[in-house]
Amino acid sequence: MQLKTLILPLLFTLPLTACSLVYKVDIPQGNYIEAKQVEQLRQGMSQEQVRFLLGNPMNLDSFNHDRWVYLYYFKPGRGDVEQKQLVLDFSNDALVSISGDYQAPAAFTQGL
């Protein structure tokens, strides 16, 4: 009888503790861009050169084809969500400015 009273509570608590051990999948979406890639950007680069360096942008502005938006969203199974954005503006097929969560590199204007 005493053994039964000890085992029954354990049988009910085991499934509850197992629920906290469920594996949650990391969910990355968009363009993952490293700082070393942004460091290679130079003012005056063509759209083709930028596409080779960073890949296709996640979002093209429907009204302004000279604005490319690179978005990155990462939701880990556990922890905080990470969001990054890089906006590139072009004029006459030449890179003009960088904005968003990345700073323009110090050598950005040396491409001119």
PDB file of N, CA and C in Angstrom:
ATOM      1  N   MET A   1       0.815  -1.196   0.000  1.00  0.00           N
ATOM      2  CA  MET A   1       0.000   0.000   0.000  1.00  0.00           C
ATOM      3  C   MET A   1       0.858   1.259   0.000  1.00  0.00           C
ATOM      4  N   GLN A   2       1.929   1.240   0.775  1.00  0.00           N
ATOM      5  CA  GLN A   2       2.784   2.412   0.876  1.00  0.00           C
ATOM      6  C   GLN A   2       3.552   2.640  -0.429  1.00  0.00           C
ATOM      7  N   LEU A   3       3.975   1.591  -1.070  1.00  0.00           N
ATOM      8  CA  LEU A   3       4.667   1.697  -2.353  1.00  0.00           C
ATOM      9  C   LEU A   3       3.743   2.271  -3.420  1.00  0.00           C
ATOM     10  N   LYS A   4       2.488   1.890  -3.378  1.00  0.00           N
ATOM     11  CA  LYS A   4       1.503   2.388  -4.331  1.00  0.00           C
ATOM     12  C   LYS A   4       1.293   3.893  -4.165  1.00  0.00           C
ATOM     13  N   THR A   5       1.293   4.396  -2.984  1.00  0.00           N
ATOM     14  CA  THR A   5       1.107   5.830  -2.747  1.00  0.00           C
ATOM     15  C   THR A   5       2.327   6.635  -3.190  1.00  0.00           C
ATOM     16  N   LEU A   6       3.486   6.020  -3.269  1.00  0.00           N
ATOM     17  CA  LEU A   6       4.682   6.706  -3.757  1.00  0.00           C
ATOM     18  C   LEU A   6       4.775   6.691  -5.276  1.00  0.00           C
ATOM     19  N   ILE A   7       4.357   5.627  -5.891  1.00  0.00           N
ATOM     20  CA  ILE A   7       4.485   5.475  -7.338  1.00  0.00           C
ATOM     21  C   ILE A   7       3.427   6.265  -8.102  1.00  0.00           C
ATOM     22  N   LEU A   8       2.219   6.313  -7.609  1.00  0.00           N
ATOM     23  CA  LEU A   8       1.146   7.018  -8.317  1.00  0.00           C
ATOM     24  C   LEU A   8       1.463   8.502  -8.540  1.00  0.00           C
ATOM     25  N   PRO A   9       1.923   9.249  -7.553  1.00  0.00           N
ATOM     26  CA  PRO A   9       2.270  10.654  -7.835  1.00  0.00           C
ATOM     27  C   PRO A   9       3.390  10.789  -8.869  1.00  0.00           C
ATOM     28  N   LEU A  10       4.340   9.865  -8.862  1.00  0.00           N
ATOM     29  CA  LEU A  10       5.420   9.903  -9.854  1.00  0.00           C
ATOM     30  C   LEU A  10       4.898   9.679 -11.263  1.00  0.00           C
ATOM     31  N   LEU A  11       3.956   8.788 -11.406  1.00  0.00           N
ATOM     32  CA  LEU A  11       3.386   8.504 -12.718  1.00  0.00           C
ATOM     33  C   LEU A  11       2.640   9.708 -13.289  1.00  0.00           C
ATOM     34  N   PHE A  12       2.091  10.522 -12.431  1.00  0.00           N
ATOM     35  CA  PHE A  12       1.367  11.704 -12.902  1.00  0.00           C
ATOM     36  C   PHE A  12       2.301  12.884 -13.180  1.00  0.00           C
ATOM     37  N   THR A  13       3.429  12.977 -12.489  1.00  0.00           N
ATOM     38  CA  THR A  13       4.344  14.107 -12.689  1.00  0.00           C
ATOM     39  C   THR A  13       5.309  13.882 -13.848  1.00  0.00           C
ATOM     40  N   LEU A  14       5.609  12.657 -14.202  1.00  0.00           N
ATOM     41  CA  LEU A  14       6.534  12.387 -15.303  1.00  0.00           C
ATOM     42  C   LEU A  14       6.058  12.967 -16.633  1.00  0.00           C
ATOM     43  N   PRO A  15       4.809  12.782 -17.039  1.00  0.00           N
ATOM     44  CA  PRO A  15       4.369  13.387 -18.304  1.00  0.00           C
ATOM     45  C   PRO A  15       4.427  14.914 -18.282  1.00  0.00           C
ATOM     46  N   LEU A  16       4.211  15.523 -17.136  1.00  0.00           N
ATOM     47  CA  LEU A  16       4.263  16.982 -17.053  1.00  0.00           C
ATOM     48  C   LEU A  16       5.683  17.502 -17.216  1.00  0.00           C
ATOM     49  N   THR A  17       6.659  16.820 -16.655  1.00  0.00           N
ATOM     50  CA  THR A  17       8.045  17.264 -16.817  1.00  0.00           C
ATOM     51  C   THR A  17       8.530  17.017 -18.234  1.00  0.00           C
ATOM     52  N   ALA A  18       8.034  16.002 -18.886  1.00  0.00           N
ATOM     53  CA  ALA A  18       8.445  15.712 -20.267  1.00  0.00           C
ATOM     54  C   ALA A  18       7.957  16.790 -21.226  1.00  0.00           C
ATOM     55  N   CYS A  19       6.874  17.470 -20.908  1.00  0.00           N
ATOM     56  CA  CYS A  19       6.356  18.524 -21.782  1.00  0.00           C
ATOM     57  C   CYS A  19       7.333  19.685 -21.912  1.00  0.00           C
ATOM     58  N   SER A  20       8.093  19.956 -20.882  1.00  0.00           N
ATOM     59  CA  SER A  20       9.045  21.063 -20.946  1.00  0.00           C
ATOM     60  C   SER A  20      10.304  20.685 -21.721  1.00  0.00           C
ATOM     61  N   LEU A  21      10.463  19.423 -22.040  1.00  0.00           N
ATOM     62  CA  LEU A  21      11.641  18.960 -22.762  1.00  0.00           C
ATOM     63  C   LEU A  21      11.395  18.826 -24.254  1.00  0.00           C
ATOM     64  N   VAL A  22      10.282  19.328 -24.741  1.00  0.00           N
ATOM     65  CA  VAL A  22       9.945  19.227 -26.154  1.00  0.00           C
ATOM     66  C   VAL A  22      10.908  20.082 -26.968  1.00  0.00           C
ATOM     67  N   TYR A  23      11.419  19.525 -28.046  1.00  0.00           N
ATOM     68  CA  TYR A  23      12.336  20.254 -28.926  1.00  0.00           C
ATOM     69  C   TYR A  23      11.553  21.235 -29.780  1.00  0.00           C
ATOM     70  N   LYS A  24      11.987  22.465 -29.784  1.00  0.00           N
ATOM     71  CA  LYS A  24      11.351  23.482 -30.622  1.00  0.00           C
ATOM     72  C   LYS A  24      12.334  23.878 -31.719  1.00  0.00           C
ATOM     73  N   VAL A  25      11.845  23.915 -32.926  1.00  0.00           N
ATOM     74  CA  VAL A  25      12.675  24.153 -34.103  1.00  0.00           C
ATOM     75  C   VAL A  25      12.987  25.644 -34.253  1.00  0.00           C
ATOM     76  N   ASP A  26      14.236  25.954 -34.614  1.00  0.00           N
ATOM     77  CA  ASP A  26      14.607  27.321 -34.965  1.00  0.00           C
ATOM     78  C   ASP A  26      14.017  27.645 -36.333  1.00  0.00           C
ATOM     79  N   ILE A  27      13.493  28.868 -36.485  1.00  0.00           N
ATOM     80  CA  ILE A  27      12.868  29.261 -37.743  1.00  0.00           C
ATOM     81  C   ILE A  27      13.581  30.485 -38.310  1.00  0.00           C
ATOM     82  N   PRO A  28      14.512  30.290 -39.261  1.00  0.00           N
ATOM     83  CA  PRO A  28      15.128  31.441 -39.940  1.00  0.00           C
ATOM     84  C   PRO A  28      14.365  31.744 -41.226  1.00  0.00           C
ATOM     85  N   GLN A  29      14.161  33.024 -41.495  1.00  0.00           N
ATOM     86  CA  GLN A  29      13.490  33.434 -42.728  1.00  0.00           C
ATOM     87  C   GLN A  29      14.181  34.657 -43.288  1.00  0.00           C
ATOM     88  N   GLY A  30      14.255  34.736 -44.589  1.00  0.00           N
ATOM     89  CA  GLY A  30      14.786  35.927 -45.237  1.00  0.00           C
ATOM     90  C   GLY A  30      16.240  35.789 -45.629  1.00  0.00           C
ATOM     91  N   ASN A  31      16.900  36.943 -45.724  1.00  0.00           N
ATOM     92  CA  ASN A  31      18.294  37.020 -46.153  1.00  0.00           C
ATOM     93  C   ASN A  31      19.195  37.178 -44.933  1.00  0.00           C
ATOM     94  N   TYR A  32      20.005  36.162 -44.650  1.00  0.00           N
ATOM     95  CA  TYR A  32      20.991  36.290 -43.572  1.00  0.00           C
ATOM     96  C   TYR A  32      22.207  37.001 -44.152  1.00  0.00           C
ATOM     97  N   ILE A  33      22.523  38.163 -43.608  1.00  0.00           N
ATOM     98  CA  ILE A  33      23.638  38.960 -44.108  1.00  0.00           C
ATOM     99  C   ILE A  33      24.627  39.162 -42.975  1.00  0.00           C
ATOM    100  N   GLU A  34      25.878  38.866 -43.240  1.00  0.00           N
ATOM    101  CA  GLU A  34      26.928  39.056 -42.246  1.00  0.00           C
ATOM    102  C   GLU A  34      27.528  40.445 -42.399  1.00  0.00           C
ATOM    103  N   ALA A  35      28.110  40.940 -41.323  1.00  0.00           N
ATOM    104  CA  ALA A  35      28.730  42.264 -41.331  1.00  0.00           C
ATOM    105  C   ALA A  35      29.869  42.333 -42.352  1.00  0.00           C
ATOM    106  N   LYS A  36      30.587  41.217 -42.556  1.00  0.00           N
ATOM    107  CA  LYS A  36      31.694  41.228 -43.523  1.00  0.00           C
ATOM    108  C   LYS A  36      31.193  41.424 -44.956  1.00  0.00           C
ATOM    109  N   GLN A  37      29.955  41.004 -45.232  1.00  0.00           N
ATOM    110  CA  GLN A  37      29.378  41.246 -46.564  1.00  0.00           C
ATOM    111  C   GLN A  37      29.042  42.726 -46.729  1.00  0.00           C
ATOM    112  N   VAL A  38      28.484  43.330 -45.702  1.00  0.00           N
ATOM    113  CA  VAL A  38      28.136  44.753 -45.756  1.00  0.00           C
ATOM    114  C   VAL A  38      29.406  45.591 -45.881  1.00  0.00           C
ATOM    115  N   GLU A  39      30.494  45.148 -45.260  1.00  0.00           N
ATOM    116  CA  GLU A  39      31.773  45.870 -45.343  1.00  0.00           C
ATOM    117  C   GLU A  39      32.307  45.934 -46.776  1.00  0.00           C
ATOM    118  N   GLN A  40      31.884  45.033 -47.638  1.00  0.00           N
ATOM    119  CA  GLN A  40      32.358  45.011 -49.027  1.00  0.00           C
ATOM    120  C   GLN A  40      31.556  45.922 -49.943  1.00  0.00           C
ATOM    121  N   LEU A  41      30.439  46.458 -49.456  1.00  0.00           N
ATOM    122  CA  LEU A  41      29.616  47.350 -50.281  1.00  0.00           C
ATOM    123  C   LEU A  41      30.324  48.683 -50.497  1.00  0.00           C
ATOM    124  N   ARG A  42      30.242  49.186 -51.710  1.00  0.00           N
ATOM    125  CA  ARG A  42      30.842  50.485 -52.060  1.00  0.00           C
ATOM    126  C   ARG A  42      29.835  51.303 -52.843  1.00  0.00           C
ATOM    127  N   GLN A  43      29.865  52.578 -52.617  1.00  0.00           N
ATOM    128  CA  GLN A  43      29.006  53.490 -53.363  1.00  0.00           C
ATOM    129  C   GLN A  43      29.383  53.409 -54.837  1.00  0.00           C
ATOM    130  N   GLY A  44      28.383  53.292 -55.695  1.00  0.00           N
ATOM    131  CA  GLY A  44      28.636  53.192 -57.129  1.00  0.00           C
ATOM    132  C   GLY A  44      28.607  51.772 -57.656  1.00  0.00           C
ATOM    133  N   MET A  45      28.490  50.774 -56.777  1.00  0.00           N
ATOM    134  CA  MET A  45      28.394  49.388 -57.241  1.00  0.00           C
ATOM    135  C   MET A  45      27.111  49.216 -58.041  1.00  0.00           C
ATOM    136  N   SER A  46      27.156  48.375 -59.058  1.00  0.00           N
ATOM    137  CA  SER A  46      25.952  48.126 -59.864  1.00  0.00           C
ATOM    138  C   SER A  46      25.020  47.170 -59.115  1.00  0.00           C
ATOM    139  N   GLN A  47      23.790  47.108 -59.568  1.00  0.00           N
ATOM    140  CA  GLN A  47      22.822  46.198 -58.962  1.00  0.00           C
ATOM    141  C   GLN A  47      23.273  44.744 -59.119  1.00  0.00           C
ATOM    142  N   GLU A  48      23.897  44.452 -60.237  1.00  0.00           N
ATOM    143  CA  GLU A  48      24.393  43.095 -60.476  1.00  0.00           C
ATOM    144  C   GLU A  48      25.499  42.734 -59.477  1.00  0.00           C
ATOM    145  N   GLN A  49      26.401  43.665 -59.198  1.00  0.00           N
ATOM    146  CA  GLN A  49      27.468  43.411 -58.238  1.00  0.00           C
ATOM    147  C   GLN A  49      26.904  43.201 -56.832  1.00  0.00           C
ATOM    148  N   VAL A  50      25.920  44.005 -56.465  1.00  0.00           N
ATOM    149  CA  VAL A  50      25.304  43.871 -55.143  1.00  0.00           C
ATOM    150  C   VAL A  50      24.558  42.549 -55.038  1.00  0.00           C
ATOM    151  N   ARG A  51      23.863  42.173 -56.092  1.00  0.00           N
ATOM    152  CA  ARG A  51      23.137  40.902 -56.097  1.00  0.00           C
ATOM    153  C   ARG A  51      24.110  39.727 -55.974  1.00  0.00           C
ATOM    154  N   PHE A  52      25.283  39.821 -56.612  1.00  0.00           N
ATOM    155  CA  PHE A  52      26.300  38.779 -56.500  1.00  0.00           C
ATOM    156  C   PHE A  52      26.814  38.681 -55.069  1.00  0.00           C
ATOM    157  N   LEU A  53      26.988  39.814 -54.410  1.00  0.00           N
ATOM    158  CA  LEU A  53      27.537  39.866 -53.056  1.00  0.00           C
ATOM    159  C   LEU A  53      26.521  39.436 -51.995  1.00  0.00           C
ATOM    160  N   LEU A  54      25.282  39.919 -52.081  1.00  0.00           N
ATOM    161  CA  LEU A  54      24.290  39.703 -51.039  1.00  0.00           C
ATOM    162  C   LEU A  54      23.172  38.735 -51.409  1.00  0.00           C
ATOM    163  N   GLY A  55      23.029  38.426 -52.679  1.00  0.00           N
ATOM    164  CA  GLY A  55      21.917  37.593 -53.123  1.00  0.00           C
ATOM    165  C   GLY A  55      20.724  38.452 -53.497  1.00  0.00           C
ATOM    166  N   ASN A  56      19.631  37.805 -53.853  1.00  0.00           N
ATOM    167  CA  ASN A  56      18.422  38.527 -54.228  1.00  0.00           C
ATOM    168  C   ASN A  56      17.779  39.158 -52.993  1.00  0.00           C
ATOM    169  N   PRO A  57      17.279  40.375 -53.127  1.00  0.00           N
ATOM    170  CA  PRO A  57      16.623  41.000 -51.981  1.00  0.00           C
ATOM    171  C   PRO A  57      15.310  40.300 -51.653  1.00  0.00           C
ATOM    172  N   MET A  58      14.955  40.349 -50.385  1.00  0.00           N
ATOM    173  CA  MET A  58      13.721  39.715 -49.933  1.00  0.00           C
ATOM    174  C   MET A  58      12.498  40.489 -50.405  1.00  0.00           C
ATOM    175  N   ASN A  59      12.652  41.797 -50.494  1.00  0.00           N
ATOM    176  CA  ASN A  59      11.505  42.634 -50.818  1.00  0.00           C
ATOM    177  C   ASN A  59      11.931  43.728 -51.790  1.00  0.00           C
ATOM    178  N   LEU A  60      11.279  43.787 -52.915  1.00  0.00           N
ATOM    179  CA  LEU A  60      11.489  44.876 -53.859  1.00  0.00           C
ATOM    180  C   LEU A  60      10.302  45.821 -53.753  1.00  0.00           C
ATOM    181  N   ASP A  61      10.573  47.100 -53.642  1.00  0.00           N
ATOM    182  CA  ASP A  61       9.518  48.100 -53.549  1.00  0.00           C
ATOM    183  C   ASP A  61       8.766  48.142 -54.875  1.00  0.00           C
ATOM    184  N   SER A  62       7.466  47.954 -54.839  1.00  0.00           N
ATOM    185  CA  SER A  62       6.656  47.915 -56.060  1.00  0.00           C
ATOM    186  C   SER A  62       6.629  49.249 -56.786  1.00  0.00           C
ATOM    187  N   PHE A  63       6.756  50.323 -56.045  1.00  0.00           N
ATOM    188  CA  PHE A  63       6.673  51.651 -56.633  1.00  0.00           C
ATOM    189  C   PHE A  63       8.048  52.263 -56.911  1.00  0.00           C
ATOM    190  N   ASN A  64       9.075  51.735 -56.277  1.00  0.00           N
ATOM    191  CA  ASN A  64      10.423  52.259 -56.447  1.00  0.00           C
ATOM    192  C   ASN A  64      11.370  51.082 -56.676  1.00  0.00           C
ATOM    193  N   HIS A  65      11.686  50.798 -57.934  1.00  0.00           N
ATOM    194  CA  HIS A  65      12.540  49.652 -58.261  1.00  0.00           C
ATOM    195  C   HIS A  65      14.004  49.892 -57.900  1.00  0.00           C
ATOM    196  N   ASP A  66      14.323  51.106 -57.490  1.00  0.00           N
ATOM    197  CA  ASP A  66      15.694  51.419 -57.102  1.00  0.00           C
ATOM    198  C   ASP A  66      15.910  51.270 -55.594  1.00  0.00           C
ATOM    199  N   ARG A  67      14.954  50.682 -54.878  1.00  0.00           N
ATOM    200  CA  ARG A  67      15.097  50.439 -53.436  1.00  0.00           C
ATOM    201  C   ARG A  67      14.975  48.944 -53.189  1.00  0.00           C
ATOM    202  N   TRP A  68      16.049  48.378 -52.632  1.00  0.00           N
ATOM    203  CA  TRP A  68      16.067  46.963 -52.302  1.00  0.00           C
ATOM    204  C   TRP A  68      16.052  46.822 -50.791  1.00  0.00           C
ATOM    205  N   VAL A  69      15.240  45.892 -50.296  1.00  0.00           N
ATOM    206  CA  VAL A  69      15.138  45.664 -48.861  1.00  0.00           C
ATOM    207  C   VAL A  69      15.494  44.205 -48.572  1.00  0.00           C
ATOM    208  N   TYR A  70      16.518  44.030 -47.759  1.00  0.00           N
ATOM    209  CA  TYR A  70      16.925  42.707 -47.305  1.00  0.00           C
ATOM    210  C   TYR A  70      16.417  42.554 -45.876  1.00  0.00           C
ATOM    211  N   LEU A  71      15.571  41.551 -45.657  1.00  0.00           N
ATOM    212  CA  LEU A  71      14.986  41.301 -44.346  1.00  0.00           C
ATOM    213  C   LEU A  71      15.473  39.960 -43.815  1.00  0.00           C
ATOM    214  N   TYR A  72      15.691  39.918 -42.505  1.00  0.00           N
ATOM    215  CA  TYR A  72      16.055  38.660 -41.857  1.00  0.00           C
ATOM    216  C   TYR A  72      15.279  38.553 -40.554  1.00  0.00           C
ATOM    217  N   TYR A  73      14.655  37.401 -40.354  1.00  0.00           N
ATOM    218  CA  TYR A  73      13.863  37.129 -39.164  1.00  0.00           C
ATOM    219  C   TYR A  73      14.284  35.759 -38.642  1.00  0.00           C
ATOM    220  N   PHE A  74      14.653  35.694 -37.369  1.00  0.00           N
ATOM    221  CA  PHE A  74      15.080  34.426 -36.775  1.00  0.00           C
ATOM    222  C   PHE A  74      14.339  34.225 -35.466  1.00  0.00           C
ATOM    223  N   LYS A  75      13.551  33.165 -35.418  1.00  0.00           N
ATOM    224  CA  LYS A  75      12.827  32.820 -34.197  1.00  0.00           C
ATOM    225  C   LYS A  75      13.411  31.518 -33.669  1.00  0.00           C
ATOM    226  N   PRO A  76      14.227  31.616 -32.603  1.00  0.00           N
ATOM    227  CA  PRO A  76      14.805  30.386 -32.051  1.00  0.00           C
ATOM    228  C   PRO A  76      13.749  29.579 -31.304  1.00  0.00           C
ATOM    229  N   GLY A  77      13.998  28.303 -31.146  1.00  0.00           N
ATOM    230  CA  GLY A  77      13.087  27.461 -30.387  1.00  0.00           C
ATOM    231  C   GLY A  77      12.907  27.984 -28.976  1.00  0.00           C
ATOM    232  N   ARG A  78      13.960  28.493 -28.416  1.00  0.00           N
ATOM    233  CA  ARG A  78      13.927  29.118 -27.096  1.00  0.00           C
ATOM    234  C   ARG A  78      14.764  30.382 -27.168  1.00  0.00           C
ATOM    235  N   GLY A  79      14.260  31.454 -26.643  1.00  0.00           N
ATOM    236  CA  GLY A  79      15.021  32.702 -26.640  1.00  0.00           C
ATOM    237  C   GLY A  79      14.299  33.814 -27.374  1.00  0.00           C
ATOM    238  N   ASP A  80      15.033  34.891 -27.600  1.00  0.00           N
ATOM    239  CA  ASP A  80      14.466  36.095 -28.201  1.00  0.00           C
ATOM    240  C   ASP A  80      14.503  36.052 -29.723  1.00  0.00           C
ATOM    241  N   VAL A  81      13.522  36.679 -30.319  1.00  0.00           N
ATOM    242  CA  VAL A  81      13.437  36.792 -31.774  1.00  0.00           C
ATOM    243  C   VAL A  81      14.445  37.842 -32.242  1.00  0.00           C
ATOM    244  N   GLU A  82      15.112  37.569 -33.356  1.00  0.00           N
ATOM    245  CA  GLU A  82      16.078  38.503 -33.941  1.00  0.00           C
ATOM    246  C   GLU A  82      15.544  38.968 -35.294  1.00  0.00           C
ATOM    247  N   GLN A  83      15.534  40.291 -35.501  1.00  0.00           N
ATOM    248  CA  GLN A  83      15.105  40.850 -36.776  1.00  0.00           C
ATOM    249  C   GLN A  83      16.142  41.854 -37.249  1.00  0.00           C
ATOM    250  N   LYS A  84      16.513  41.773 -38.504  1.00  0.00           N
ATOM    251  CA  LYS A  84      17.462  42.713 -39.099  1.00  0.00           C
ATOM    252  C   LYS A  84      16.927  43.172 -40.448  1.00  0.00           C
ATOM    253  N   GLN A  85      17.298  44.407 -40.800  1.00  0.00           N
ATOM    254  CA  GLN A  85      16.857  44.984 -42.066  1.00  0.00           C
ATOM    255  C   GLN A  85      18.004  45.776 -42.669  1.00  0.00           C
ATOM    256  N   LEU A  86      18.187  45.618 -43.977  1.00  0.00           N
ATOM    257  CA  LEU A  86      19.175  46.378 -44.729  1.00  0.00           C
ATOM    258  C   LEU A  86      18.465  46.950 -45.937  1.00  0.00           C
ATOM    259  N   VAL A  87      18.498  48.271 -46.074  1.00  0.00           N
ATOM    260  CA  VAL A  87      17.844  48.949 -47.192  1.00  0.00           C
ATOM    261  C   VAL A  87      18.919  49.579 -48.059  1.00  0.00           C
ATOM    262  N   LEU A  88      18.894  49.254 -49.356  1.00  0.00           N
ATOM    263  CA  LEU A  88      19.853  49.804 -50.311  1.00  0.00           C
ATOM    264  C   LEU A  88      19.101  50.638 -51.334  1.00  0.00           C
ATOM    265  N   ASP A  89      19.603  51.831 -51.562  1.00  0.00           N
ATOM    266  CA  ASP A  89      19.003  52.707 -52.572  1.00  0.00           C
ATOM    267  C   ASP A  89      19.965  52.854 -53.743  1.00  0.00           C
ATOM    268  N   PHE A  90      19.406  52.740 -54.946  1.00  0.00           N
ATOM    269  CA  PHE A  90      20.173  52.851 -56.183  1.00  0.00           C
ATOM    270  C   PHE A  90      19.693  54.056 -56.983  1.00  0.00           C
ATOM    271  N   SER A  91      20.560  54.578 -57.821  1.00  0.00           N
ATOM    272  CA  SER A  91      20.204  55.621 -58.770  1.00  0.00           C
ATOM    273  C   SER A  91      20.977  55.337 -60.050  1.00  0.00           C
ATOM    274  N   ASN A  92      20.269  55.168 -61.150  1.00  0.00           N
ATOM    275  CA  ASN A  92      20.888  54.828 -62.442  1.00  0.00           C
ATOM    276  C   ASN A  92      21.778  53.596 -62.333  1.00  0.00           C
ATOM    277  N   ASP A  93      21.256  52.548 -61.701  1.00  0.00           N
ATOM    278  CA  ASP A  93      21.947  51.267 -61.539  1.00  0.00           C
ATOM    279  C   ASP A  93      23.221  51.371 -60.703  1.00  0.00           C
ATOM    280  N   ALA A  94      23.340  52.391 -59.854  1.00  0.00           N
ATOM    281  CA  ALA A  94      24.505  52.539 -58.997  1.00  0.00           C
ATOM    282  C   ALA A  94      24.044  52.691 -57.547  1.00  0.00           C
ATOM    283  N   LEU A  95      24.714  51.989 -56.647  1.00  0.00           N
ATOM    284  CA  LEU A  95      24.383  52.043 -55.224  1.00  0.00           C
ATOM    285  C   LEU A  95      24.683  53.437 -54.681  1.00  0.00           C
ATOM    286  N   VAL A  96      23.689  54.017 -53.998  1.00  0.00           N
ATOM    287  CA  VAL A  96      23.816  55.381 -53.500  1.00  0.00           C
ATOM    288  C   VAL A  96      23.904  55.420 -51.974  1.00  0.00           C
ATOM    289  N   SER A  97      23.030  54.634 -51.289  1.00  0.00           N
ATOM    290  CA  SER A  97      23.024  54.723 -49.826  1.00  0.00           C
ATOM    291  C   SER A  97      22.626  53.398 -49.193  1.00  0.00           C
ATOM    292  N   ILE A  98      23.013  53.278 -47.914  1.00  0.00           N
ATOM    293  CA  ILE A  98      22.703  52.115 -47.087  1.00  0.00           C
ATOM    294  C   ILE A  98      21.999  52.626 -45.840  1.00  0.00           C
ATOM    295  N   SER A  99      20.932  51.928 -45.449  1.00  0.00           N
ATOM    296  CA  SER A  99      20.277  52.269 -44.190  1.00  0.00           C
ATOM    297  C   SER A  99      19.720  50.997 -43.566  1.00  0.00           C
ATOM    298  N   GLY A 100      19.167  51.121 -42.382  1.00  0.00           N
ATOM    299  CA  GLY A 100      18.610  49.971 -41.681  1.00  0.00           C
ATOM    300  C   GLY A 100      19.442  49.650 -40.457  1.00  0.00           C
ATOM    301  N   ASP A 101      19.530  48.369 -40.140  1.00  0.00           N
ATOM    302  CA  ASP A 101      20.236  47.913 -38.943  1.00  0.00           C
ATOM    303  C   ASP A 101      21.745  47.784 -39.144  1.00  0.00           C
ATOM    304  N   TYR A 102      22.214  48.002 -40.338  1.00  0.00           N
ATOM    305  CA  TYR A 102      23.647  47.930 -40.632  1.00  0.00           C
ATOM    306  C   TYR A 102      24.157  49.330 -40.955  1.00  0.00           C
ATOM    307  N   GLN A 103      25.339  49.653 -40.477  1.00  0.00           N
ATOM    308  CA  GLN A 103      25.940  50.945 -40.793  1.00  0.00           C
ATOM    309  C   GLN A 103      26.726  50.827 -42.095  1.00  0.00           C
ATOM    310  N   ALA A 104      26.780  51.933 -42.813  1.00  0.00           N
ATOM    311  CA  ALA A 104      27.599  51.964 -44.018  1.00  0.00           C
ATOM    312  C   ALA A 104      29.071  51.805 -43.600  1.00  0.00           C
ATOM    313  N   PRO A 105      29.824  51.004 -44.313  1.00  0.00           N
ATOM    314  CA  PRO A 105      31.231  50.836 -43.964  1.00  0.00           C
ATOM    315  C   PRO A 105      32.006  52.129 -44.128  1.00  0.00           C
ATOM    316  N   ALA A 106      33.113  52.242 -43.432  1.00  0.00           N
ATOM    317  CA  ALA A 106      33.940  53.445 -43.486  1.00  0.00           C
ATOM    318  C   ALA A 106      34.422  53.713 -44.907  1.00  0.00           C
ATOM    319  N   ALA A 107      34.673  52.657 -45.673  1.00  0.00           N
ATOM    320  CA  ALA A 107      35.193  52.790 -47.041  1.00  0.00           C
ATOM    321  C   ALA A 107      34.062  52.847 -48.068  1.00  0.00           C
ATOM    322  N   PHE A 108      32.835  53.085 -47.642  1.00  0.00           N
ATOM    323  CA  PHE A 108      31.690  53.064 -48.558  1.00  0.00           C
ATOM    324  C   PHE A 108      31.825  54.076 -49.686  1.00  0.00           C
ATOM    325  N   THR A 109      32.304  55.264 -49.406  1.00  0.00           N
ATOM    326  CA  THR A 109      32.400  56.325 -50.416  1.00  0.00           C
ATOM    327  C   THR A 109      33.682  56.230 -51.231  1.00  0.00           C
ATOM    328  N   GLN A 110      34.552  55.289 -50.946  1.00  0.00           N
ATOM    329  CA  GLN A 110      35.799  55.171 -51.704  1.00  0.00           C
ATOM    330  C   GLN A 110      35.606  54.560 -53.074  1.00  0.00           C
ATOM    331  N   GLY A 111      34.411  54.041 -53.359  1.00  0.00           N
ATOM    332  CA  GLY A 111      34.149  53.439 -54.671  1.00  0.00           C
ATOM    333  C   GLY A 111      34.014  54.459 -55.761  1.00  0.00           C
ATOM    334  N   LEU A 112      33.896  55.726 -55.382  1.00  0.00           N
ATOM    335  CA  LEU A 112      33.720  56.767 -56.400  1.00  0.00           C
ATOM    336  C   LEU A 112      35.016  57.210 -57.018  1.00  0.00           C
TER     337      LEU A 112
END
